[in-house]
């Protein structure tokens, strides 16, 4: 049976937006009713009707109904632990180079937001293997993933401590949303394919420092980089163009590192030959005024 993607079906998610831009997320079901200060809206009015159409509540207010994006869903979904925001999800997929067909190890399931983004990125031919130590968080996370993605046979969830070891080998990517990722550096190094990427999401810079020092001490990781992204939306009308008063500022730091051959231990004579008698007197944060 062909399903018309232009129309809502039972079980679909619908994002309702009112005239002031306020949004609510519905999971459409026969006989259910959405209640708000604008009045009642029967789910049956949407089921079988157009996506991107306008609907009237019993109080006469008009609302817009569309399919939610993954970002919309992440902001509206039921939460347990702290979520990873949409601005970070996009960068994780890009900076972590999560590609179709990849095998990805993920540390921490949480509310399922990051897992959903990884599953979308690897596609049907890829795999996401999740290590979660808190079994009580699984029902909410799995429910959220099912709502946005449906069945996900390429997701495997293991109850276990990723710090104690990863059993898989020749893994393409490892994504960690755990509080002490430096404890997993050794086991990540053992499981990643050469050229594979580790990506860690952390809320504080002191955690980042401990992770980076552990990556450097391991010697199997190179191209270690840390990024923070701030997202500012804009208010655009005919008479006014300005930044919005509120912005999604700091949510976390993304640190990436590439699995390489262990670097060679260099002798003082090697370092002297490289420097050729030159001394680096630059100060961090200063430039000589030329473009880099």
C-alpha atoms as a PDB file:
ATOM      1  CA  UNK A   1       0.000   0.000   0.000  1.00  0.00           C
ATOM      2  CA  UNK A   2       1.368   3.398  -1.007  1.00  0.00           C
ATOM      3  CA  UNK A   3       1.315   6.010   1.768  1.00  0.00           C
ATOM      4  CA  UNK A   4       0.702   9.604   0.747  1.00  0.00           C
ATOM      5  CA  UNK A   5       3.562  11.545   2.359  1.00  0.00           C
ATOM      6  CA  UNK A   6       1.623  14.770   1.811  1.00  0.00           C
ATOM      7  CA  UNK A   7      -0.966  13.672   4.401  1.00  0.00           C
ATOM      8  CA  UNK A   8      -0.761  12.847   8.089  1.00  0.00           C
ATOM      9  CA  UNK A   9      -1.322   9.231   9.112  1.00  0.00           C
ATOM     10  CA  UNK A  10      -2.106   7.578  12.446  1.00  0.00           C
ATOM     11  CA  UNK A  11       1.113   7.370  14.475  1.00  0.00           C
ATOM     12  CA  UNK A  12       2.769  10.298  12.687  1.00  0.00           C
ATOM     13  CA  UNK A  13       4.361  13.144  14.587  1.00  0.00           C
ATOM     14  CA  UNK A  14       2.842  16.566  13.942  1.00  0.00           C
ATOM     15  CA  UNK A  15       4.308  19.902  14.997  1.00  0.00           C
ATOM     16  CA  UNK A  16       1.617  22.471  15.791  1.00  0.00           C
ATOM     17  CA  UNK A  17       2.592  26.159  15.625  1.00  0.00           C
ATOM     18  CA  UNK A  18       0.310  29.016  16.640  1.00  0.00           C
ATOM     19  CA  UNK A  19       0.308  32.609  15.391  1.00  0.00           C
ATOM     20  CA  UNK A  20       2.966  33.611  17.943  1.00  0.00           C
ATOM     21  CA  UNK A  21       5.344  30.834  16.946  1.00  0.00           C
ATOM     22  CA  UNK A  22       4.674  28.640  19.981  1.00  0.00           C
ATOM     23  CA  UNK A  23       5.089  24.963  19.147  1.00  0.00           C
ATOM     24  CA  UNK A  24       3.677  21.690  20.421  1.00  0.00           C
ATOM     25  CA  UNK A  25       4.472  18.146  19.344  1.00  0.00           C
ATOM     26  CA  UNK A  26       1.688  15.595  18.814  1.00  0.00           C
ATOM     27  CA  UNK A  27       1.749  11.876  18.165  1.00  0.00           C
ATOM     28  CA  UNK A  28      -1.430  11.439  16.135  1.00  0.00           C
ATOM     29  CA  UNK A  29      -3.938   8.827  17.294  1.00  0.00           C
ATOM     30  CA  UNK A  30      -7.597   8.130  16.538  1.00  0.00           C
ATOM     31  CA  UNK A  31     -10.001   9.837  18.919  1.00  0.00           C
ATOM     32  CA  UNK A  32      -7.355  11.903  20.732  1.00  0.00           C
ATOM     33  CA  UNK A  33      -7.608  15.658  21.351  1.00  0.00           C
ATOM     34  CA  UNK A  34      -4.909  18.317  21.632  1.00  0.00           C
ATOM     35  CA  UNK A  35      -5.715  20.883  24.353  1.00  0.00           C
ATOM     36  CA  UNK A  36      -4.179  24.345  24.586  1.00  0.00           C
ATOM     37  CA  UNK A  37      -5.117  27.892  25.599  1.00  0.00           C
ATOM     38  CA  UNK A  38      -6.245  28.341  21.972  1.00  0.00           C
ATOM     39  CA  UNK A  39      -8.828  25.606  22.332  1.00  0.00           C
ATOM     40  CA  UNK A  40      -9.268  21.946  21.370  1.00  0.00           C
ATOM     41  CA  UNK A  41      -7.992  20.366  18.180  1.00  0.00           C
ATOM     42  CA  UNK A  42      -9.099  16.831  17.352  1.00  0.00           C
ATOM     43  CA  UNK A  43      -6.364  14.578  16.010  1.00  0.00           C
ATOM     44  CA  UNK A  44      -8.957  13.223  13.575  1.00  0.00           C
ATOM     45  CA  UNK A  45      -8.997  16.634  11.861  1.00  0.00           C
ATOM     46  CA  UNK A  46      -5.342  16.102  10.912  1.00  0.00           C
ATOM     47  CA  UNK A  47      -5.308  12.367  10.139  1.00  0.00           C
ATOM     48  CA  UNK A  48      -5.665  11.880   6.401  1.00  0.00           C
ATOM     49  CA  UNK A  49      -5.312  15.625   5.817  1.00  0.00           C
ATOM     50  CA  UNK A  50      -2.512  17.755   4.447  1.00  0.00           C
ATOM     51  CA  UNK A  51       0.924  18.307   5.928  1.00  0.00           C
ATOM     52  CA  UNK A  52       1.735  22.028   5.944  1.00  0.00           C
ATOM     53  CA  UNK A  53      -1.954  22.926   6.129  1.00  0.00           C
ATOM     54  CA  UNK A  54      -3.861  25.220   8.476  1.00  0.00           C
ATOM     55  CA  UNK A  55      -6.362  23.936  11.060  1.00  0.00           C
ATOM     56  CA  UNK A  56      -8.907  25.669  13.254  1.00  0.00           C
ATOM     57  CA  UNK A  57      -9.462  24.931  16.951  1.00  0.00           C
ATOM     58  CA  UNK A  58     -12.914  24.875  18.545  1.00  0.00           C
ATOM     59  CA  UNK A  59     -12.278  28.477  19.708  1.00  0.00           C
ATOM     60  CA  UNK A  60     -11.684  29.647  16.156  1.00  0.00           C
ATOM     61  CA  UNK A  61      -7.893  30.028  16.355  1.00  0.00           C
ATOM     62  CA  UNK A  62      -5.878  28.900  13.338  1.00  0.00           C
ATOM     63  CA  UNK A  63      -2.708  26.821  13.734  1.00  0.00           C
ATOM     64  CA  UNK A  64      -0.185  25.370  11.293  1.00  0.00           C
ATOM     65  CA  UNK A  65       0.619  21.630  11.272  1.00  0.00           C
ATOM     66  CA  UNK A  66       3.856  20.274   9.756  1.00  0.00           C
ATOM     67  CA  UNK A  67       6.135  17.291  10.229  1.00  0.00           C
ATOM     68  CA  UNK A  68       8.824  18.010  12.849  1.00  0.00           C
ATOM     69  CA  UNK A  69      12.478  17.948  11.901  1.00  0.00           C
ATOM     70  CA  UNK A  70      14.898  15.971  14.056  1.00  0.00           C
ATOM     71  CA  UNK A  71      15.889  19.300  15.639  1.00  0.00           C
ATOM     72  CA  UNK A  72      12.260  20.123  16.423  1.00  0.00           C
ATOM     73  CA  UNK A  73      11.763  16.698  17.971  1.00  0.00           C
ATOM     74  CA  UNK A  74      14.897  16.933  20.111  1.00  0.00           C
ATOM     75  CA  UNK A  75      13.730  20.225  21.632  1.00  0.00           C
ATOM     76  CA  UNK A  76      10.193  18.978  22.279  1.00  0.00           C
ATOM     77  CA  UNK A  77      10.722  15.316  23.215  1.00  0.00           C
ATOM     78  CA  UNK A  78      10.420  13.855  26.731  1.00  0.00           C
ATOM     79  CA  UNK A  79      13.803  14.153  28.410  1.00  0.00           C
ATOM     80  CA  UNK A  80      15.692  12.243  31.037  1.00  0.00           C
ATOM     81  CA  UNK A  81      19.367  13.209  31.153  1.00  0.00           C
ATOM     82  CA  UNK A  82      20.629  16.415  29.563  1.00  0.00           C
ATOM     83  CA  UNK A  83      20.055  16.393  25.799  1.00  0.00           C
ATOM     84  CA  UNK A  84      22.517  17.260  23.066  1.00  0.00           C
ATOM     85  CA  UNK A  85      21.116  20.344  21.290  1.00  0.00           C
ATOM     86  CA  UNK A  86      20.416  20.419  17.530  1.00  0.00           C
ATOM     87  CA  UNK A  87      23.319  22.829  16.926  1.00  0.00           C
ATOM     88  CA  UNK A  88      25.677  20.229  18.398  1.00  0.00           C
ATOM     89  CA  UNK A  89      24.049  17.248  16.666  1.00  0.00           C
ATOM     90  CA  UNK A  90      24.785  18.748  13.252  1.00  0.00           C
ATOM     91  CA  UNK A  91      28.426  19.389  14.151  1.00  0.00           C
ATOM     92  CA  UNK A  92      28.855  15.930  15.659  1.00  0.00           C
ATOM     93  CA  UNK A  93      27.760  14.326  12.399  1.00  0.00           C
ATOM     94  CA  UNK A  94      30.033  16.651  10.385  1.00  0.00           C
ATOM     95  CA  UNK A  95      33.139  16.905  12.579  1.00  0.00           C
ATOM     96  CA  UNK A  96      32.917  13.226  13.441  1.00  0.00           C
ATOM     97  CA  UNK A  97      32.528  12.461   9.722  1.00  0.00           C
ATOM     98  CA  UNK A  98      29.673  10.035  10.374  1.00  0.00           C
ATOM     99  CA  UNK A  99      29.073   8.518   6.930  1.00  0.00           C
ATOM    100  CA  UNK A 100      26.519   6.109   5.411  1.00  0.00           C
ATOM    101  CA  UNK A 101      27.496   2.515   6.147  1.00  0.00           C
ATOM    102  CA  UNK A 102      29.753   3.390   9.099  1.00  0.00           C
ATOM    103  CA  UNK A 103      29.969   1.333  12.267  1.00  0.00           C
ATOM    104  CA  UNK A 104      29.717   3.713  15.217  1.00  0.00           C
ATOM    105  CA  UNK A 105      30.208   2.998  18.913  1.00  0.00           C
ATOM    106  CA  UNK A 106      28.293   5.411  21.133  1.00  0.00           C
ATOM    107  CA  UNK A 107      28.842   5.876  24.837  1.00  0.00           C
ATOM    108  CA  UNK A 108      25.633   6.820  26.641  1.00  0.00           C
ATOM    109  CA  UNK A 109      22.048   6.581  25.357  1.00  0.00           C
ATOM    110  CA  UNK A 110      20.394   9.277  27.470  1.00  0.00           C
ATOM    111  CA  UNK A 111      17.213  10.615  25.880  1.00  0.00           C
ATOM    112  CA  UNK A 112      18.117   9.190  22.466  1.00  0.00           C
ATOM    113  CA  UNK A 113      18.719  12.466  20.638  1.00  0.00           C
ATOM    114  CA  UNK A 114      22.336  11.796  19.682  1.00  0.00           C
ATOM    115  CA  UNK A 115      21.592   8.161  18.876  1.00  0.00           C
ATOM    116  CA  UNK A 116      18.831   9.250  16.481  1.00  0.00           C
ATOM    117  CA  UNK A 117      21.194  11.608  14.665  1.00  0.00           C
ATOM    118  CA  UNK A 118      23.851   8.894  14.367  1.00  0.00           C
ATOM    119  CA  UNK A 119      21.343   6.356  13.041  1.00  0.00           C
ATOM    120  CA  UNK A 120      20.174   8.790  10.378  1.00  0.00           C
ATOM    121  CA  UNK A 121      23.746   9.492   9.346  1.00  0.00           C
ATOM    122  CA  UNK A 122      24.911   5.850   9.050  1.00  0.00           C
ATOM    123  CA  UNK A 123      21.786   4.837   7.131  1.00  0.00           C
ATOM    124  CA  UNK A 124      20.318   1.357   6.782  1.00  0.00           C
ATOM    125  CA  UNK A 125      23.681  -0.198   5.889  1.00  0.00           C
ATOM    126  CA  UNK A 126      25.472   1.252   8.912  1.00  0.00           C
ATOM    127  CA  UNK A 127      25.391   0.234  12.576  1.00  0.00           C
ATOM    128  CA  UNK A 128      25.220   2.059  15.887  1.00  0.00           C
ATOM    129  CA  UNK A 129      26.287   0.102  18.953  1.00  0.00           C
ATOM    130  CA  UNK A 130      25.449   1.885  22.188  1.00  0.00           C
ATOM    131  CA  UNK A 131      26.969   1.238  25.606  1.00  0.00           C
ATOM    132  CA  UNK A 132      24.689   2.453  28.410  1.00  0.00           C
ATOM    133  CA  UNK A 133      25.364   1.841  32.094  1.00  0.00           C
ATOM    134  CA  UNK A 134      21.969   3.083  33.383  1.00  0.00           C
ATOM    135  CA  UNK A 135      19.418   0.463  32.373  1.00  0.00           C
ATOM    136  CA  UNK A 136      16.587   2.584  33.831  1.00  0.00           C
ATOM    137  CA  UNK A 137      17.148   5.206  31.091  1.00  0.00           C
ATOM    138  CA  UNK A 138      16.565   2.753  28.252  1.00  0.00           C
ATOM    139  CA  UNK A 139      12.728   2.888  27.976  1.00  0.00           C
ATOM    140  CA  UNK A 140      12.564   6.666  27.506  1.00  0.00           C
ATOM    141  CA  UNK A 141      15.504   6.773  25.114  1.00  0.00           C
ATOM    142  CA  UNK A 142      14.231   3.861  23.019  1.00  0.00           C
ATOM    143  CA  UNK A 143      10.728   5.348  22.935  1.00  0.00           C
ATOM    144  CA  UNK A 144      12.053   8.674  21.638  1.00  0.00           C
ATOM    145  CA  UNK A 145      14.129   6.965  18.953  1.00  0.00           C
ATOM    146  CA  UNK A 146      11.140   4.906  17.802  1.00  0.00           C
ATOM    147  CA  UNK A 147       8.921   7.995  17.564  1.00  0.00           C
ATOM    148  CA  UNK A 148      11.242   9.806  15.194  1.00  0.00           C
ATOM    149  CA  UNK A 149      12.810   6.894  13.282  1.00  0.00           C
ATOM    150  CA  UNK A 150      10.450   3.936  13.642  1.00  0.00           C
ATOM    151  CA  UNK A 151      12.059   0.507  13.840  1.00  0.00           C
ATOM    152  CA  UNK A 152      15.869   0.565  13.968  1.00  0.00           C
ATOM    153  CA  UNK A 153      17.244  -2.964  13.512  1.00  0.00           C
ATOM    154  CA  UNK A 154      20.733  -1.510  13.011  1.00  0.00           C
ATOM    155  CA  UNK A 155      20.812  -0.212  16.610  1.00  0.00           C
ATOM    156  CA  UNK A 156      22.310  -2.475  19.278  1.00  0.00           C
ATOM    157  CA  UNK A 157      22.211  -1.427  22.928  1.00  0.00           C
ATOM    158  CA  UNK A 158      24.563  -3.032  25.420  1.00  0.00           C
ATOM    159  CA  UNK A 159      24.180  -2.623  29.165  1.00  0.00           C
ATOM    160  CA  UNK A 160      27.714  -2.012  30.300  1.00  0.00           C
ATOM    161  CA  UNK A 161      30.435   0.424  31.302  1.00  0.00           C
ATOM    162  CA  UNK A 162      32.286   1.712  28.243  1.00  0.00           C
ATOM    163  CA  UNK A 163      35.203   2.665  30.510  1.00  0.00           C
ATOM    164  CA  UNK A 164      35.842  -1.024  31.156  1.00  0.00           C
ATOM    165  CA  UNK A 165      36.207  -1.991  27.529  1.00  0.00           C
ATOM    166  CA  UNK A 166      34.769  -2.094  24.020  1.00  0.00           C
ATOM    167  CA  UNK A 167      34.577  -5.604  22.567  1.00  0.00           C
ATOM    168  CA  UNK A 168      34.189  -4.531  18.904  1.00  0.00           C
ATOM    169  CA  UNK A 169      37.214  -4.045  16.648  1.00  0.00           C
ATOM    170  CA  UNK A 170      37.881  -2.079  13.436  1.00  0.00           C
ATOM    171  CA  UNK A 171      35.166   0.421  14.329  1.00  0.00           C
ATOM    172  CA  UNK A 172      34.899   3.518  12.119  1.00  0.00           C
ATOM    173  CA  UNK A 173      33.860   6.072  14.744  1.00  0.00           C
ATOM    174  CA  UNK A 174      33.432   6.360  18.517  1.00  0.00           C
ATOM    175  CA  UNK A 175      31.137   9.064  19.904  1.00  0.00           C
ATOM    176  CA  UNK A 176      31.195   9.637  23.658  1.00  0.00           C
ATOM    177  CA  UNK A 177      28.585  11.547  25.653  1.00  0.00           C
ATOM    178  CA  UNK A 178      29.909  10.450  29.049  1.00  0.00           C
ATOM    179  CA  UNK A 179      31.286  12.506  31.960  1.00  0.00           C
ATOM    180  CA  UNK A 180      34.813  11.003  32.111  1.00  0.00           C
ATOM    181  CA  UNK A 181      35.807  10.053  28.547  1.00  0.00           C
ATOM    182  CA  UNK A 182      39.514  10.048  29.450  1.00  0.00           C
ATOM    183  CA  UNK A 183      38.848   6.750  31.205  1.00  0.00           C
ATOM    184  CA  UNK A 184      37.865   5.251  27.827  1.00  0.00           C
ATOM    185  CA  UNK A 185      40.821   6.518  25.768  1.00  0.00           C
ATOM    186  CA  UNK A 186      42.753   3.247  25.928  1.00  0.00           C
ATOM    187  CA  UNK A 187      39.827   1.031  24.947  1.00  0.00           C
ATOM    188  CA  UNK A 188      38.790   3.462  22.188  1.00  0.00           C
ATOM    189  CA  UNK A 189      42.308   3.297  20.792  1.00  0.00           C
ATOM    190  CA  UNK A 190      42.079  -0.499  20.740  1.00  0.00           C
ATOM    191  CA  UNK A 191      38.754  -0.602  18.866  1.00  0.00           C
ATOM    192  CA  UNK A 192      39.130   2.123  16.232  1.00  0.00           C
ATOM    193  CA  UNK A 193      40.278   1.364  12.697  1.00  0.00           C
ATOM    194  CA  UNK A 194      43.395   3.264  11.648  1.00  0.00           C
ATOM    195  CA  UNK A 195      42.246   6.729  10.648  1.00  0.00           C
ATOM    196  CA  UNK A 196      39.072   6.293  12.693  1.00  0.00           C
ATOM    197  CA  UNK A 197      37.743   9.232  14.685  1.00  0.00           C
ATOM    198  CA  UNK A 198      36.921   9.693  18.351  1.00  0.00           C
ATOM    199  CA  UNK A 199      34.468  12.491  19.170  1.00  0.00           C
ATOM    200  CA  UNK A 200      33.561  13.543  22.691  1.00  0.00           C
ATOM    201  CA  UNK A 201      30.841  15.933  23.891  1.00  0.00           C
ATOM    202  CA  UNK A 202      31.619  17.591  27.238  1.00  0.00           C
ATOM    203  CA  UNK A 203      30.003  20.519  29.104  1.00  0.00           C
ATOM    204  CA  UNK A 204      33.075  21.981  30.853  1.00  0.00           C
ATOM    205  CA  UNK A 205      36.541  22.998  29.679  1.00  0.00           C
ATOM    206  CA  UNK A 206      38.239  21.287  32.639  1.00  0.00           C
ATOM    207  CA  UNK A 207      36.817  17.978  31.422  1.00  0.00           C
ATOM    208  CA  UNK A 208      38.106  18.800  27.950  1.00  0.00           C
ATOM    209  CA  UNK A 209      41.588  19.433  29.328  1.00  0.00           C
ATOM    210  CA  UNK A 210      41.710  16.057  31.084  1.00  0.00           C
ATOM    211  CA  UNK A 211      40.557  14.326  27.906  1.00  0.00           C
ATOM    212  CA  UNK A 212      43.086  16.067  25.657  1.00  0.00           C
ATOM    213  CA  UNK A 213      45.962  15.306  28.038  1.00  0.00           C
ATOM    214  CA  UNK A 214      44.900  11.647  28.109  1.00  0.00           C
ATOM    215  CA  UNK A 215      44.723  11.521  24.300  1.00  0.00           C
ATOM    216  CA  UNK A 216      48.198  13.020  24.008  1.00  0.00           C
ATOM    217  CA  UNK A 217      49.623  10.645  26.612  1.00  0.00           C
ATOM    218  CA  UNK A 218      48.207   7.623  24.767  1.00  0.00           C
ATOM    219  CA  UNK A 219      50.299   8.566  21.653  1.00  0.00           C
ATOM    220  CA  UNK A 220      47.872   6.836  19.253  1.00  0.00           C
ATOM    221  CA  UNK A 221      45.764   9.952  18.646  1.00  0.00           C
ATOM    222  CA  UNK A 222      46.645  12.906  16.462  1.00  0.00           C
ATOM    223  CA  UNK A 223      44.871  15.982  15.022  1.00  0.00           C
ATOM    224  CA  UNK A 224      43.241  16.663  18.386  1.00  0.00           C
ATOM    225  CA  UNK A 225      40.848  19.597  18.102  1.00  0.00           C
ATOM    226  CA  UNK A 226      38.207  21.173  20.359  1.00  0.00           C
ATOM    227  CA  UNK A 227      35.267  23.275  19.169  1.00  0.00           C
ATOM    228  CA  UNK A 228      32.523  25.308  20.832  1.00  0.00           C
ATOM    229  CA  UNK A 229      29.583  26.618  18.812  1.00  0.00           C
ATOM    230  CA  UNK A 230      27.176  29.410  19.730  1.00  0.00           C
ATOM    231  CA  UNK A 231      23.970  29.726  17.707  1.00  0.00           C
ATOM    232  CA  UNK A 232      22.180  33.080  17.304  1.00  0.00           C
ATOM    233  CA  UNK A 233      18.922  33.398  15.405  1.00  0.00           C
ATOM    234  CA  UNK A 234      17.687  36.633  13.811  1.00  0.00           C
ATOM    235  CA  UNK A 235      14.398  38.525  13.812  1.00  0.00           C
ATOM    236  CA  UNK A 236      13.605  39.604  10.254  1.00  0.00           C
ATOM    237  CA  UNK A 237      10.580  41.730   9.289  1.00  0.00           C
ATOM    238  CA  UNK A 238       9.944  44.533   6.796  1.00  0.00           C
ATOM    239  CA  UNK A 239      10.678  47.220   9.381  1.00  0.00           C
ATOM    240  CA  UNK A 240      13.245  45.523  11.591  1.00  0.00           C
ATOM    241  CA  UNK A 241      16.245  43.228  11.131  1.00  0.00           C
ATOM    242  CA  UNK A 242      18.101  42.413  14.346  1.00  0.00           C
ATOM    243  CA  UNK A 243      19.503  39.497  16.340  1.00  0.00           C
ATOM    244  CA  UNK A 244      16.997  37.751  18.560  1.00  0.00           C
ATOM    245  CA  UNK A 245      17.242  38.741  22.205  1.00  0.00           C
ATOM    246  CA  UNK A 246      17.809  35.111  23.214  1.00  0.00           C
ATOM    247  CA  UNK A 247      20.363  32.724  21.762  1.00  0.00           C
ATOM    248  CA  UNK A 248      21.496  29.135  22.207  1.00  0.00           C
ATOM    249  CA  UNK A 249      24.884  29.878  23.709  1.00  0.00           C
ATOM    250  CA  UNK A 250      27.167  27.382  25.434  1.00  0.00           C
ATOM    251  CA  UNK A 251      25.924  23.832  25.592  1.00  0.00           C
ATOM    252  CA  UNK A 252      29.145  21.872  25.314  1.00  0.00           C
ATOM    253  CA  UNK A 253      32.560  21.331  23.743  1.00  0.00           C
ATOM    254  CA  UNK A 254      33.250  18.903  20.915  1.00  0.00           C
ATOM    255  CA  UNK A 255      36.679  17.291  20.910  1.00  0.00           C
ATOM    256  CA  UNK A 256      37.823  15.127  18.008  1.00  0.00           C
ATOM    257  CA  UNK A 257      40.946  12.999  17.551  1.00  0.00           C
ATOM    258  CA  UNK A 258      42.155  10.676  14.785  1.00  0.00           C
ATOM    259  CA  UNK A 259      43.519   7.179  15.488  1.00  0.00           C
ATOM    260  CA  UNK A 260      47.028   6.941  14.045  1.00  0.00           C
ATOM    261  CA  UNK A 261      50.216   4.957  14.491  1.00  0.00           C
ATOM    262  CA  UNK A 262      51.895   5.783  17.818  1.00  0.00           C
ATOM    263  CA  UNK A 263      54.257   8.670  17.309  1.00  0.00           C
ATOM    264  CA  UNK A 264      57.966   7.926  17.538  1.00  0.00           C
ATOM    265  CA  UNK A 265      59.907   8.959  20.617  1.00  0.00           C
ATOM    266  CA  UNK A 266      62.239  11.688  19.393  1.00  0.00           C
ATOM    267  CA  UNK A 267      65.730  12.385  20.691  1.00  0.00           C
ATOM    268  CA  UNK A 268      67.014  15.858  21.609  1.00  0.00           C
ATOM    269  CA  UNK A 269      69.188  15.817  18.476  1.00  0.00           C
ATOM    270  CA  UNK A 270      66.084  15.269  16.309  1.00  0.00           C
ATOM    271  CA  UNK A 271      64.348  18.246  17.851  1.00  0.00           C
ATOM    272  CA  UNK A 272      67.458  20.399  17.472  1.00  0.00           C
ATOM    273  CA  UNK A 273      67.722  19.538  13.779  1.00  0.00           C
ATOM    274  CA  UNK A 274      64.065  20.435  13.231  1.00  0.00           C
ATOM    275  CA  UNK A 275      64.412  23.789  14.953  1.00  0.00           C
ATOM    276  CA  UNK A 276      67.698  24.588  13.166  1.00  0.00           C
ATOM    277  CA  UNK A 277      68.648  26.911  15.966  1.00  0.00           C
ATOM    278  CA  UNK A 278      65.404  28.910  15.868  1.00  0.00           C
ATOM    279  CA  UNK A 279      63.541  29.664  19.067  1.00  0.00           C
ATOM    280  CA  UNK A 280      59.752  30.032  19.117  1.00  0.00           C
ATOM    281  CA  UNK A 281      58.968  33.141  21.147  1.00  0.00           C
ATOM    282  CA  UNK A 282      55.307  33.497  20.129  1.00  0.00           C
ATOM    283  CA  UNK A 283      52.745  34.062  22.838  1.00  0.00           C
ATOM    284  CA  UNK A 284      49.409  32.286  22.665  1.00  0.00           C
ATOM    285  CA  UNK A 285      46.713  34.612  21.350  1.00  0.00           C
ATOM    286  CA  UNK A 286      49.192  37.049  19.716  1.00  0.00           C
ATOM    287  CA  UNK A 287      49.890  37.430  15.999  1.00  0.00           C
ATOM    288  CA  UNK A 288      52.392  39.404  13.957  1.00  0.00           C
ATOM    289  CA  UNK A 289      49.598  41.226  12.140  1.00  0.00           C
ATOM    290  CA  UNK A 290      49.817  39.133   8.976  1.00  0.00           C
ATOM    291  CA  UNK A 291      47.077  36.814   7.739  1.00  0.00           C
ATOM    292  CA  UNK A 292      47.685  33.260   8.851  1.00  0.00           C
END
